[in-house]
N, C-alpha and C. Protein backbone atom coordinates (compact mmCIF):
# COMPACT_ATOMS: atom_id res chain seq x y z
N MET A 1 75.76 117.55 46.64
CA MET A 1 74.96 118.57 47.34
C MET A 1 74.34 119.70 46.12
N LYS A 2 72.70 119.40 45.65
CA LYS A 2 72.89 120.66 44.67
C LYS A 2 72.53 121.90 45.01
N THR A 3 73.24 122.70 43.98
CA THR A 3 72.67 124.50 44.74
C THR A 3 71.34 124.67 44.73
N ARG A 4 71.00 125.78 45.68
CA ARG A 4 69.85 126.69 45.17
C ARG A 4 69.25 126.80 44.01
N ALA A 5 70.16 127.34 42.80
CA ALA A 5 69.96 127.18 41.51
C ALA A 5 69.41 126.06 41.03
N GLU A 6 70.29 124.73 41.42
CA GLU A 6 69.83 123.90 40.15
C GLU A 6 68.09 123.65 40.75
N LEU A 7 67.95 123.21 42.48
CA LEU A 7 66.75 123.29 43.05
C LEU A 7 65.74 123.84 42.07
N LYS A 8 65.77 124.69 42.09
CA LYS A 8 64.57 126.00 41.58
C LYS A 8 64.77 125.40 40.36
N GLN A 9 65.59 125.43 39.16
CA GLN A 9 65.86 124.51 37.98
C GLN A 9 65.04 123.57 37.73
N GLU A 10 64.89 122.43 38.58
CA GLU A 10 64.41 121.14 38.46
C GLU A 10 63.17 121.42 38.58
N ILE A 11 62.76 121.92 40.12
CA ILE A 11 61.27 122.01 40.11
C ILE A 11 60.45 122.51 38.94
N LYS A 12 61.31 123.88 38.36
CA LYS A 12 60.24 124.42 37.25
C LYS A 12 60.05 123.34 36.31
N GLN A 13 60.96 122.56 35.75
CA GLN A 13 60.68 121.52 34.43
C GLN A 13 59.84 120.17 34.97
N LEU A 14 59.52 120.04 36.52
CA LEU A 14 59.02 119.20 37.08
C LEU A 14 57.39 119.63 37.05
N PHE A 15 57.01 121.49 37.14
CA PHE A 15 56.00 121.41 36.94
C PHE A 15 55.40 122.71 35.55
N LYS A 16 56.82 122.32 34.70
CA LYS A 16 56.35 122.77 33.41
C LYS A 16 55.58 122.09 32.65
N GLY A 17 53.79 122.95 32.36
CA GLY A 17 52.95 122.49 31.90
C GLY A 17 51.71 121.98 33.01
N ARG A 18 52.20 121.48 33.96
CA ARG A 18 51.23 121.22 34.78
C ARG A 18 50.46 122.32 35.79
N TRP A 19 51.28 123.12 35.44
CA TRP A 19 50.00 124.06 36.70
C TRP A 19 48.43 124.25 36.88
N LYS A 20 48.13 123.77 35.97
CA LYS A 20 46.70 123.33 35.99
C LYS A 20 46.54 122.25 37.12
N SER A 21 47.21 121.74 37.00
CA SER A 21 46.87 120.20 37.67
C SER A 21 47.09 120.73 39.28
N ALA A 22 48.41 121.42 39.61
CA ALA A 22 49.30 121.53 40.69
C ALA A 22 47.87 122.39 41.63
N ILE A 23 47.54 123.25 40.30
CA ILE A 23 46.58 124.80 41.32
C ILE A 23 45.70 123.91 41.56
N LEU A 24 45.03 123.03 40.95
CA LEU A 24 43.90 122.24 41.49
C LEU A 24 43.74 121.57 42.25
N LEU A 25 44.80 120.77 42.65
CA LEU A 25 45.18 120.41 43.41
C LEU A 25 45.13 121.34 45.20
N CYS A 26 45.91 122.27 44.68
CA CYS A 26 45.51 123.65 45.47
C CYS A 26 44.28 123.72 46.15
N ILE A 27 43.77 123.80 45.71
CA ILE A 27 41.97 124.14 45.33
C ILE A 27 41.31 123.10 46.41
N VAL A 28 41.45 121.89 45.97
CA VAL A 28 40.64 120.58 46.25
C VAL A 28 40.81 120.43 48.23
N VAL A 29 42.53 120.69 48.25
CA VAL A 29 42.75 120.63 49.88
C VAL A 29 42.27 121.74 50.68
N SER A 30 42.78 123.05 50.10
CA SER A 30 41.67 124.38 50.74
C SER A 30 40.61 124.33 50.93
N LEU A 31 39.75 123.51 50.17
CA LEU A 31 37.94 123.50 50.35
C LEU A 31 38.20 122.53 51.19
N LEU A 32 38.72 121.68 51.06
CA LEU A 32 38.71 119.87 52.36
C LEU A 32 39.19 120.85 53.81
N SER A 33 39.62 121.54 53.75
CA SER A 33 40.36 122.09 55.32
C SER A 33 39.55 123.17 56.01
N ILE A 34 38.43 123.90 54.44
CA ILE A 34 37.57 125.16 55.21
C ILE A 34 36.70 124.15 55.47
N PHE A 35 36.30 123.19 54.98
CA PHE A 35 34.81 122.12 55.38
C PHE A 35 35.15 121.56 56.75
N SER A 36 36.18 121.25 57.07
CA SER A 36 36.90 120.60 58.29
C SER A 36 36.64 121.81 58.97
N VAL A 37 37.32 123.19 58.82
CA VAL A 37 37.12 123.53 60.23
C VAL A 37 35.58 124.21 60.41
N ALA A 38 35.19 124.45 59.35
CA ALA A 38 33.16 124.79 59.15
C ALA A 38 32.37 124.05 59.97
N SER A 39 32.96 122.76 59.95
CA SER A 39 32.52 121.52 59.90
C SER A 39 32.44 121.64 61.86
N ASN A 40 33.89 121.57 62.14
CA ASN A 40 33.84 121.79 63.56
C ASN A 40 33.69 122.95 64.48
N SER A 41 33.89 124.32 63.76
CA SER A 41 33.23 125.03 64.56
C SER A 41 31.53 125.01 65.03
N SER A 42 30.88 124.54 63.61
CA SER A 42 29.79 124.75 63.67
C SER A 42 29.10 123.44 65.26
N ASP A 43 30.25 122.19 65.08
CA ASP A 43 30.02 121.32 66.35
C ASP A 43 30.14 122.43 67.62
N GLN A 44 31.24 123.07 67.66
CA GLN A 44 31.40 124.01 69.21
C GLN A 44 30.16 124.64 69.42
N VAL A 45 29.51 125.44 68.15
CA VAL A 45 28.30 126.22 68.28
C VAL A 45 27.55 125.53 69.19
N GLN A 46 27.39 124.25 68.55
CA GLN A 46 25.75 123.75 68.96
C GLN A 46 25.87 123.08 70.48
N SER A 47 27.60 123.07 71.03
CA SER A 47 27.61 122.18 72.13
C SER A 47 27.59 123.62 73.20
N TRP A 48 27.93 124.47 72.81
CA TRP A 48 27.72 125.87 73.72
C TRP A 48 26.61 126.21 73.95
N ARG A 49 25.42 126.29 72.39
CA ARG A 49 24.23 126.15 72.61
C ARG A 49 23.38 125.64 74.00
N GLY A 50 23.51 124.39 73.89
CA GLY A 50 23.33 122.89 74.67
C GLY A 50 23.73 123.32 76.31
N LYS A 51 24.47 124.05 76.13
CA LYS A 51 25.40 124.13 77.60
C LYS A 51 24.41 125.69 78.44
N ILE A 52 24.45 126.45 76.93
CA ILE A 52 23.46 127.67 77.56
C ILE A 52 22.16 127.18 78.30
N ARG A 53 21.77 126.86 77.85
CA ARG A 53 19.87 126.36 78.22
C ARG A 53 19.73 125.48 79.43
């Protein structure tokens, strides 16, 4: 089994020169999550408005 230090070094090597791709992927996933939550919230608000009237 690899030690923590060995795993950390291996991960650093995997990301070396690929930080731009990793950050871009995180941004895309974050935006998709935000849009999903906003969409669900919008649907709930409209549902509540229908019940109030």
